[in-house]
PDB file of N, CA and C in Angstrom:
ATOM      1  N   MET A   1     104.398  13.343  22.261  1.00  0.00           N
ATOM      2  CA  MET A   1     103.828  13.672  21.357  1.00  0.00           C
ATOM      3  C   MET A   1     101.993  13.414  21.172  1.00  0.00           C
ATOM      4  N   VAL A   2     102.023  11.963  21.331  1.00  0.00           N
ATOM      5  CA  VAL A   2     100.853  12.203  21.891  1.00  0.00           C
ATOM      6  C   VAL A   2      99.764  12.061  22.872  1.00  0.00           C
ATOM      7  N   ALA A   3     100.537  12.341  23.820  1.00  0.00           N
ATOM      8  CA  ALA A   3     100.034  13.232  24.913  1.00  0.00           C
ATOM      9  C   ALA A   3      99.206  14.683  24.944  1.00  0.00           C
ATOM     10  N   VAL A   4     100.513  15.520  23.925  1.00  0.00           N
ATOM     11  CA  VAL A   4      99.666  16.436  23.390  1.00  0.00           C
ATOM     12  C   VAL A   4      99.084  16.843  22.386  1.00  0.00           C
ATOM     13  N   LEU A   5      98.657  15.831  21.757  1.00  0.00           N
ATOM     14  CA  LEU A   5      97.689  15.202  20.875  1.00  0.00           C
ATOM     15  C   LEU A   5      96.126  15.021  21.591  1.00  0.00           C
ATOM     16  N   ILE A   6      96.334  14.466  22.398  1.00  0.00           N
ATOM     17  CA  ILE A   6      95.307  14.107  23.235  1.00  0.00           C
ATOM     18  C   ILE A   6      94.727  15.567  24.417  1.00  0.00           C
ATOM     19  N   ALA A   7      95.584  15.935  24.918  1.00  0.00           N
ATOM     20  CA  ALA A   7      95.467  17.263  25.657  1.00  0.00           C
ATOM     21  C   ALA A   7      94.813  18.383  24.824  1.00  0.00           C
ATOM     22  N   ILE A   8      95.191  18.541  23.578  1.00  0.00           N
ATOM     23  CA  ILE A   8      94.436  19.959  23.020  1.00  0.00           C
ATOM     24  C   ILE A   8      93.483  19.087  21.982  1.00  0.00           C
ATOM     25  N   GLU A   9      93.646  17.885  22.232  1.00  0.00           N
ATOM     26  CA  GLU A   9      92.170  17.467  21.505  1.00  0.00           C
ATOM     27  C   GLU A   9      92.428  17.482  19.823  1.00  0.00           C
ATOM     28  N   HIS A  10      93.295  17.383  19.470  1.00  0.00           N
ATOM     29  CA  HIS A  10      93.693  17.154  17.818  1.00  0.00           C
ATOM     30  C   HIS A  10      93.246  15.860  17.169  1.00  0.00           C
ATOM     31  N   PRO A  11      92.677  16.509  16.122  1.00  0.00           N
ATOM     32  CA  PRO A  11      91.929  14.780  15.484  1.00  0.00           C
ATOM     33  C   PRO A  11      92.845  13.618  15.367  1.00  0.00           C
ATOM     34  N   LEU A  12      93.984  13.666  15.143  1.00  0.00           N
ATOM     35  CA  LEU A  12      95.043  12.690  14.923  1.00  0.00           C
ATOM     36  C   LEU A  12      94.829  11.966  15.986  1.00  0.00           C
ATOM     37  N   ARG A  13      94.935  12.144  17.299  1.00  0.00           N
ATOM     38  CA  ARG A  13      95.136  11.667  18.419  1.00  0.00           C
ATOM     39  C   ARG A  13      94.373  10.253  18.379  1.00  0.00           C
ATOM     40  N   HIS A  14      93.341  10.258  17.972  1.00  0.00           N
ATOM     41  CA  HIS A  14      92.759   8.733  17.826  1.00  0.00           C
ATOM     42  C   HIS A  14      93.971   7.399  17.121  1.00  0.00           C
ATOM     43  N   PRO A  15      94.115   8.052  16.018  1.00  0.00           N
ATOM     44  CA  PRO A  15      95.427   6.960  14.973  1.00  0.00           C
ATOM     45  C   PRO A  15      96.575   7.128  15.962  1.00  0.00           C
ATOM     46  N   MET A  16      96.832   7.916  16.152  1.00  0.00           N
ATOM     47  CA  MET A  16      98.400   7.870  17.198  1.00  0.00           C
ATOM     48  C   MET A  16      98.229   7.098  18.157  1.00  0.00           C
ATOM     49  N   GLN A  17      97.139   7.485  19.245  1.00  0.00           N
ATOM     50  CA  GLN A  17      96.590   6.369  20.282  1.00  0.00           C
ATOM     51  C   GLN A  17      96.920   5.186  19.822  1.00  0.00           C
ATOM     52  N   ALA A  18      95.898   4.859  18.888  1.00  0.00           N
ATOM     53  CA  ALA A  18      95.769   3.241  18.562  1.00  0.00           C
ATOM     54  C   ALA A  18      97.018   2.989  18.038  1.00  0.00           C
ATOM     55  N   ALA A  19      97.876   3.723  17.300  1.00  0.00           N
ATOM     56  CA  ALA A  19      99.174   3.243  17.049  1.00  0.00           C
ATOM     57  C   ALA A  19      99.817   2.994  18.145  1.00  0.00           C
ATOM     58  N   VAL A  20     100.275   4.139  19.249  1.00  0.00           N
ATOM     59  CA  VAL A  20     101.254   3.321  20.161  1.00  0.00           C
ATOM     60  C   VAL A  20     100.122   1.859  21.350  1.00  0.00           C
ATOM     61  N   SER A  21      99.114   2.331  21.150  1.00  0.00           N
ATOM     62  CA  SER A  21      98.250   0.853  21.959  1.00  0.00           C
ATOM     63  C   SER A  21      99.258  -0.177  21.307  1.00  0.00           C
ATOM     64  N   LEU A  22      98.856  -0.446  20.343  1.00  0.00           N
ATOM     65  CA  LEU A  22      99.240  -1.705  19.437  1.00  0.00           C
ATOM     66  C   LEU A  22     100.547  -1.984  19.317  1.00  0.00           C
ATOM     67  N   GLY A  23     101.344  -1.014  19.567  1.00  0.00           N
ATOM     68  CA  GLY A  23     102.464  -1.386  19.441  1.00  0.00           C
ATOM     69  C   GLY A  23     102.901  -1.709  21.011  1.00  0.00           C
ATOM     70  N   GLN A  24     102.067  -1.338  21.838  1.00  0.00           N
ATOM     71  CA  GLN A  24     102.271  -1.647  23.362  1.00  0.00           C
ATOM     72  C   GLN A  24     101.944  -3.233  23.617  1.00  0.00           C
ATOM     73  N   CYS A  25     100.694  -3.075  22.884  1.00  0.00           N
ATOM     74  CA  CYS A  25     100.556  -5.035  22.660  1.00  0.00           C
ATOM     75  C   CYS A  25     101.094  -6.014  22.187  1.00  0.00           C
ATOM     76  N   TYR A  26     101.633  -5.260  21.210  1.00  0.00           N
ATOM     77  CA  TYR A  26     102.726  -6.062  20.405  1.00  0.00           C
ATOM     78  C   TYR A  26     103.983  -6.579  21.359  1.00  0.00           C
ATOM     79  N   GLY A  27     104.365  -5.577  21.762  1.00  0.00           N
ATOM     80  CA  GLY A  27     105.224  -5.712  22.643  1.00  0.00           C
ATOM     81  C   GLY A  27     105.177  -6.688  24.158  1.00  0.00           C
ATOM     82  N   ASP A  28     104.149  -6.811  24.700  1.00  0.00           N
ATOM     83  CA  ASP A  28     103.539  -7.688  25.893  1.00  0.00           C
ATOM     84  C   ASP A  28     103.116  -8.984  25.377  1.00  0.00           C
ATOM     85  N   LEU A  29     102.638  -9.393  24.172  1.00  0.00           N
ATOM     86  CA  LEU A  29     102.769 -10.429  23.634  1.00  0.00           C
ATOM     87  C   LEU A  29     104.278 -11.212  22.906  1.00  0.00           C
ATOM     88  N   LEU A  30     104.794 -10.206  22.724  1.00  0.00           N
ATOM     89  CA  LEU A  30     106.556 -10.893  22.673  1.00  0.00           C
ATOM     90  C   LEU A  30     107.552 -11.176  23.900  1.00  0.00           C
ATOM     91  N   TYR A  31     106.540 -10.408  25.015  1.00  0.00           N
ATOM     92  CA  TYR A  31     107.331 -10.483  26.100  1.00  0.00           C
ATOM     93  C   TYR A  31     107.059 -12.187  26.561  1.00  0.00           C
ATOM     94  N   TYR A  32     105.679 -12.187  26.526  1.00  0.00           N
ATOM     95  CA  TYR A  32     105.396 -13.118  27.125  1.00  0.00           C
ATOM     96  C   TYR A  32     105.576 -14.649  26.512  1.00  0.00           C
ATOM     97  N   ALA A  33     105.980 -14.308  24.944  1.00  0.00           N
ATOM     98  CA  ALA A  33     105.880 -15.656  23.806  1.00  0.00           C
ATOM     99  C   ALA A  33     107.307 -15.917  24.525  1.00  0.00           C
ATOM    100  N   THR A  34     108.353 -15.070  23.948  1.00  0.00           N
ATOM    101  CA  THR A  34     109.746 -15.494  25.088  1.00  0.00           C
ATOM    102  C   THR A  34     110.184 -15.780  26.040  1.00  0.00           C
ATOM    103  N   SER A  35     109.299 -15.591  26.837  1.00  0.00           N
ATOM    104  CA  SER A  35     109.149 -15.785  28.464  1.00  0.00           C
ATOM    105  C   SER A  35     108.968 -17.331  28.577  1.00  0.00           C
ATOM    106  N   MET A  36     107.513 -17.578  27.895  1.00  0.00           N
ATOM    107  CA  MET A  36     107.191 -18.562  27.899  1.00  0.00           C
ATOM    108  C   MET A  36     107.980 -19.786  26.981  1.00  0.00           C
ATOM    109  N   ALA A  37     108.548 -19.121  25.812  1.00  0.00           N
ATOM    110  CA  ALA A  37     109.596 -20.083  24.979  1.00  0.00           C
ATOM    111  C   ALA A  37     110.764 -20.773  25.855  1.00  0.00           C
ATOM    112  N   ASP A  38     111.396 -19.809  26.511  1.00  0.00           N
ATOM    113  CA  ASP A  38     112.789 -19.812  27.497  1.00  0.00           C
ATOM    114  C   ASP A  38     112.360 -20.732  28.510  1.00  0.00           C
ATOM    115  N   HIS A  39     110.829 -21.089  29.051  1.00  0.00           N
ATOM    116  CA  HIS A  39     110.396 -21.772  30.136  1.00  0.00           C
ATOM    117  C   HIS A  39     110.569 -23.320  29.613  1.00  0.00           C
ATOM    118  N   PHE A  40     109.549 -23.201  28.415  1.00  0.00           N
ATOM    119  CA  PHE A  40     108.921 -24.760  27.766  1.00  0.00           C
ATOM    120  C   PHE A  40     110.227 -25.381  27.272  1.00  0.00           C
ATOM    121  N   TYR A  41     111.112 -24.060  26.264  1.00  0.00           N
ATOM    122  CA  TYR A  41     111.997 -25.296  25.377  1.00  0.00           C
ATOM    123  C   TYR A  41     113.677 -25.415  26.316  1.00  0.00           C
ATOM    124  N   LEU A  42     113.954 -24.146  26.791  1.00  0.00           N
ATOM    125  CA  LEU A  42     114.909 -24.187  27.368  1.00  0.00           C
ATOM    126  C   LEU A  42     115.135 -24.450  28.921  1.00  0.00           C
ATOM    127  N   GLY A  43     114.039 -25.014  29.806  1.00  0.00           N
ATOM    128  CA  GLY A  43     113.607 -24.555  31.022  1.00  0.00           C
ATOM    129  C   GLY A  43     114.157 -23.666  31.972  1.00  0.00           C
ATOM    130  N   ILE A  44     114.586 -22.427  31.522  1.00  0.00           N
ATOM    131  CA  ILE A  44     114.897 -21.369  32.116  1.00  0.00           C
ATOM    132  C   ILE A  44     113.583 -20.187  32.555  1.00  0.00           C
ATOM    133  N   GLU A  45     113.346 -20.499  33.976  1.00  0.00           N
ATOM    134  CA  GLU A  45     112.180 -19.213  34.429  1.00  0.00           C
ATOM    135  C   GLU A  45     112.896 -18.057  35.305  1.00  0.00           C
ATOM    136  N   TYR A  46     112.003 -16.909  35.219  1.00  0.00           N
ATOM    137  CA  TYR A  46     112.468 -15.690  35.266  1.00  0.00           C
ATOM    138  C   TYR A  46     111.649 -15.290  36.815  1.00  0.00           C
ATOM    139  N   SER A  47     111.029 -16.300  37.301  1.00  0.00           N
ATOM    140  CA  SER A  47     110.467 -16.279  38.650  1.00  0.00           C
ATOM    141  C   SER A  47     110.733 -17.452  39.308  1.00  0.00           C
ATOM    142  N   ARG A  48     110.218 -17.012  40.813  1.00  0.00           N
ATOM    143  CA  ARG A  48     110.629 -17.997  41.921  1.00  0.00           C
ATOM    144  C   ARG A  48     109.633 -19.069  41.448  1.00  0.00           C
ATOM    145  N   PRO A  49     109.746 -20.108  42.071  1.00  0.00           N
ATOM    146  CA  PRO A  49     108.809 -21.243  41.830  1.00  0.00           C
ATOM    147  C   PRO A  49     107.668 -21.102  42.294  1.00  0.00           C
ATOM    148  N   GLU A  50     107.330 -20.554  43.229  1.00  0.00           N
ATOM    149  CA  GLU A  50     106.103 -20.092  43.917  1.00  0.00           C
ATOM    150  C   GLU A  50     104.845 -20.007  43.062  1.00  0.00           C
ATOM    151  N   ALA A  51     103.824 -20.527  42.617  1.00  0.00           N
ATOM    152  CA  ALA A  51     102.707 -20.204  41.860  1.00  0.00           C
ATOM    153  C   ALA A  51     102.302 -18.655  41.877  1.00  0.00           C
ATOM    154  N   TYR A  52     102.143 -18.186  43.205  1.00  0.00           N
ATOM    155  CA  TYR A  52     101.498 -16.821  43.492  1.00  0.00           C
ATOM    156  C   TYR A  52     102.519 -15.974  42.513  1.00  0.00           C
ATOM    157  N   TYR A  53     103.668 -15.854  43.095  1.00  0.00           N
ATOM    158  CA  TYR A  53     104.771 -15.196  42.318  1.00  0.00           C
ATOM    159  C   TYR A  53     104.658 -14.920  40.651  1.00  0.00           C
ATOM    160  N   PHE A  54     104.012 -16.138  39.963  1.00  0.00           N
ATOM    161  CA  PHE A  54     103.991 -16.145  38.650  1.00  0.00           C
ATOM    162  C   PHE A  54     102.894 -15.509  38.197  1.00  0.00           C
ATOM    163  N   TRP A  55     101.414 -15.815  38.923  1.00  0.00           N
ATOM    164  CA  TRP A  55     100.558 -14.881  38.674  1.00  0.00           C
ATOM    165  C   TRP A  55     100.396 -13.762  39.427  1.00  0.00           C
ATOM    166  N   GLY A  56     100.970 -13.166  40.267  1.00  0.00           N
ATOM    167  CA  GLY A  56     101.078 -12.217  40.611  1.00  0.00           C
ATOM    168  C   GLY A  56     101.691 -11.069  40.182  1.00  0.00           C
ATOM    169  N   TYR A  57     103.210 -11.650  39.801  1.00  0.00           N
ATOM    170  CA  TYR A  57     104.062 -10.559  38.997  1.00  0.00           C
ATOM    171  C   TYR A  57     103.723 -10.886  37.403  1.00  0.00           C
ATOM    172  N   TYR A  58     104.569 -11.921  37.129  1.00  0.00           N
ATOM    173  CA  TYR A  58     104.831 -12.322  35.871  1.00  0.00           C
ATOM    174  C   TYR A  58     103.459 -11.682  35.336  1.00  0.00           C
ATOM    175  N   PHE A  59     102.569 -12.836  35.591  1.00  0.00           N
ATOM    176  CA  PHE A  59     101.079 -12.259  34.978  1.00  0.00           C
ATOM    177  C   PHE A  59     100.249 -11.079  35.251  1.00  0.00           C
ATOM    178  N   GLY A  60      99.896 -10.941  36.627  1.00  0.00           N
ATOM    179  CA  GLY A  60      98.793  -9.973  36.892  1.00  0.00           C
ATOM    180  C   GLY A  60      99.615  -8.754  36.706  1.00  0.00           C
ATOM    181  N   ALA A  61     100.793  -8.297  36.961  1.00  0.00           N
ATOM    182  CA  ALA A  61     101.376  -6.872  36.728  1.00  0.00           C
ATOM    183  C   ALA A  61     101.552  -6.930  35.350  1.00  0.00           C
ATOM    184  N   ASN A  62     101.847  -7.533  34.476  1.00  0.00           N
ATOM    185  CA  ASN A  62     101.815  -7.075  33.233  1.00  0.00           C
ATOM    186  C   ASN A  62     100.599  -7.451  32.184  1.00  0.00           C
ATOM    187  N   PHE A  63      99.454  -7.829  33.056  1.00  0.00           N
ATOM    188  CA  PHE A  63      98.260  -7.605  32.379  1.00  0.00           C
ATOM    189  C   PHE A  63      97.600  -6.333  32.348  1.00  0.00           C
ATOM    190  N   PHE A  64      98.063  -5.253  32.846  1.00  0.00           N
ATOM    191  CA  PHE A  64      97.203  -4.506  33.063  1.00  0.00           C
ATOM    192  C   PHE A  64      98.016  -3.487  31.908  1.00  0.00           C
ATOM    193  N   TRP A  65      99.291  -3.884  31.213  1.00  0.00           N
ATOM    194  CA  TRP A  65      99.875  -3.498  29.856  1.00  0.00           C
ATOM    195  C   TRP A  65      99.292  -3.837  28.567  1.00  0.00           C
ATOM    196  N   ILE A  66      98.335  -4.608  29.164  1.00  0.00           N
ATOM    197  CA  ILE A  66      97.848  -5.550  27.916  1.00  0.00           C
ATOM    198  C   ILE A  66      96.120  -4.953  27.816  1.00  0.00           C
ATOM    199  N   VAL A  67      95.630  -4.936  28.678  1.00  0.00           N
ATOM    200  CA  VAL A  67      94.055  -4.583  29.208  1.00  0.00           C
ATOM    201  C   VAL A  67      93.657  -3.215  28.570  1.00  0.00           C
ATOM    202  N   ILE A  68      94.427  -2.264  29.442  1.00  0.00           N
ATOM    203  CA  ILE A  68      94.527  -0.898  29.021  1.00  0.00           C
ATOM    204  C   ILE A  68      95.089  -0.301  27.754  1.00  0.00           C
ATOM    205  N   PRO A  69      96.007  -0.665  26.963  1.00  0.00           N
ATOM    206  CA  PRO A  69      96.111  -0.641  25.644  1.00  0.00           C
ATOM    207  C   PRO A  69      94.856  -0.869  24.320  1.00  0.00           C
ATOM    208  N   ALA A  70      94.613  -2.334  25.214  1.00  0.00           N
ATOM    209  CA  ALA A  70      93.282  -3.144  24.245  1.00  0.00           C
ATOM    210  C   ALA A  70      92.277  -1.866  24.206  1.00  0.00           C
ATOM    211  N   GLY A  71      91.892  -1.655  25.415  1.00  0.00           N
ATOM    212  CA  GLY A  71      90.974  -0.521  25.622  1.00  0.00           C
ATOM    213  C   GLY A  71      91.005   0.644  25.580  1.00  0.00           C
ATOM    214  N   GLU A  72      91.972   1.041  24.852  1.00  0.00           N
ATOM    215  CA  GLU A  72      92.339   2.641  24.307  1.00  0.00           C
ATOM    216  C   GLU A  72      92.450   2.238  22.603  1.00  0.00           C
ATOM    217  N   CYS A  73      93.021   1.096  22.281  1.00  0.00           N
ATOM    218  CA  CYS A  73      92.245   0.532  20.831  1.00  0.00           C
ATOM    219  C   CYS A  73      90.928   0.810  20.709  1.00  0.00           C
ATOM    220  N   CYS A  74      90.472  -0.263  21.114  1.00  0.00           N
ATOM    221  CA  CYS A  74      88.623   0.134  20.974  1.00  0.00           C
ATOM    222  C   CYS A  74      88.230   1.680  20.783  1.00  0.00           C
ATOM    223  N   THR A  75      88.851   2.174  22.032  1.00  0.00           N
ATOM    224  CA  THR A  75      88.072   3.597  22.103  1.00  0.00           C
ATOM    225  C   THR A  75      88.235   4.340  21.116  1.00  0.00           C
ATOM    226  N   GLY A  76      89.663   4.327  20.385  1.00  0.00           N
ATOM    227  CA  GLY A  76      90.055   5.194  19.215  1.00  0.00           C
ATOM    228  C   GLY A  76      89.322   4.722  18.335  1.00  0.00           C
ATOM    229  N   ASP A  77      89.013   3.405  17.866  1.00  0.00           N
ATOM    230  CA  ASP A  77      88.635   2.990  16.489  1.00  0.00           C
ATOM    231  C   ASP A  77      87.411   3.312  16.487  1.00  0.00           C
ATOM    232  N   CYS A  78      86.524   3.001  17.721  1.00  0.00           N
ATOM    233  CA  CYS A  78      84.928   3.663  17.819  1.00  0.00           C
ATOM    234  C   CYS A  78      84.872   5.424  17.426  1.00  0.00           C
ATOM    235  N   SER A  79      85.626   6.105  18.173  1.00  0.00           N
ATOM    236  CA  SER A  79      85.726   7.337  17.711  1.00  0.00           C
ATOM    237  C   SER A  79      85.922   7.806  16.325  1.00  0.00           C
ATOM    238  N   ALA A  80      87.375   6.920  15.892  1.00  0.00           N
ATOM    239  CA  ALA A  80      87.712   6.899  14.885  1.00  0.00           C
ATOM    240  C   ALA A  80      86.389   6.958  13.161  1.00  0.00           C
ATOM    241  N   GLY A  81      85.857   5.714  13.932  1.00  0.00           N
ATOM    242  CA  GLY A  81      84.568   5.359  13.032  1.00  0.00           C
ATOM    243  C   GLY A  81      83.440   6.554  13.381  1.00  0.00           C
ATOM    244  N   LYS A  82      83.277   6.703  14.119  1.00  0.00           N
ATOM    245  CA  LYS A  82      82.324   8.014  14.273  1.00  0.00           C
ATOM    246  C   LYS A  82      82.337   8.939  13.249  1.00  0.00           C
ATOM    247  N   LEU A  83      83.431   9.631  13.005  1.00  0.00           N
ATOM    248  CA  LEU A  83      84.434  10.458  12.674  1.00  0.00           C
ATOM    249  C   LEU A  83      83.829  10.032  10.826  1.00  0.00           C
ATOM    250  N   LEU A  84      84.283   9.126  10.635  1.00  0.00           N
ATOM    251  CA  LEU A  84      84.060   8.823   9.474  1.00  0.00           C
ATOM    252  C   LEU A  84      83.100   8.914   8.962  1.00  0.00           C
ATOM    253  N   ILE A  85      81.811   8.136  10.143  1.00  0.00           N
ATOM    254  CA  ILE A  85      80.492   8.116   9.233  1.00  0.00           C
ATOM    255  C   ILE A  85      79.795   9.717   9.055  1.00  0.00           C
ATOM    256  N   LEU A  86      80.125  10.786  10.439  1.00  0.00           N
ATOM    257  CA  LEU A  86      79.640  11.588  10.256  1.00  0.00           C
ATOM    258  C   LEU A  86      80.329  12.884   9.103  1.00  0.00           C
ATOM    259  N   HIS A  87      81.606  12.437   8.411  1.00  0.00           N
ATOM    260  CA  HIS A  87      82.096  13.028   7.595  1.00  0.00           C
ATOM    261  C   HIS A  87      81.345  12.482   6.326  1.00  0.00           C
ATOM    262  N   SER A  88      81.169  11.215   6.021  1.00  0.00           N
ATOM    263  CA  SER A  88      80.411  10.848   5.109  1.00  0.00           C
ATOM    264  C   SER A  88      79.247  11.113   4.689  1.00  0.00           C
ATOM    265  N   VAL A  89      78.385  11.713   6.149  1.00  0.00           N
ATOM    266  CA  VAL A  89      76.863  12.073   5.795  1.00  0.00           C
ATOM    267  C   VAL A  89      76.842  13.742   5.542  1.00  0.00           C
ATOM    268  N   VAL A  90      78.130  14.039   6.159  1.00  0.00           N
ATOM    269  CA  VAL A  90      78.028  15.927   5.588  1.00  0.00           C
ATOM    270  C   VAL A  90      78.396  15.765   3.950  1.00  0.00           C
ATOM    271  N   ILE A  91      79.290  15.034   3.725  1.00  0.00           N
ATOM    272  CA  ILE A  91      79.613  15.129   2.493  1.00  0.00           C
ATOM    273  C   ILE A  91      78.366  15.249   1.462  1.00  0.00           C
ATOM    274  N   GLN A  92      77.781  14.226   2.096  1.00  0.00           N
ATOM    275  CA  GLN A  92      76.264  13.392   0.469  1.00  0.00           C
ATOM    276  C   GLN A  92      75.420  14.939   1.366  1.00  0.00           C
TER     277      GLN A  92
END
């Protein structure tokens, strides 16, 4: 649905994109938190013991899923803010 709104440049694309991106960031942070809690409190590791597996797969591969949605939230918020300012200027 959000992809269609983006493709047709619908005005609701910015808040919808921000909502989806915030949900993605929440899921990633929840994934990191539960994995770290399992590691520190229960001693369970979900990757091989070598450090490059941790930083390459666990951190690096999942980091894109935080950076891209966070950037999209900022972009969407800036666009929505500009529209609100433009709308308030037009009304006055």
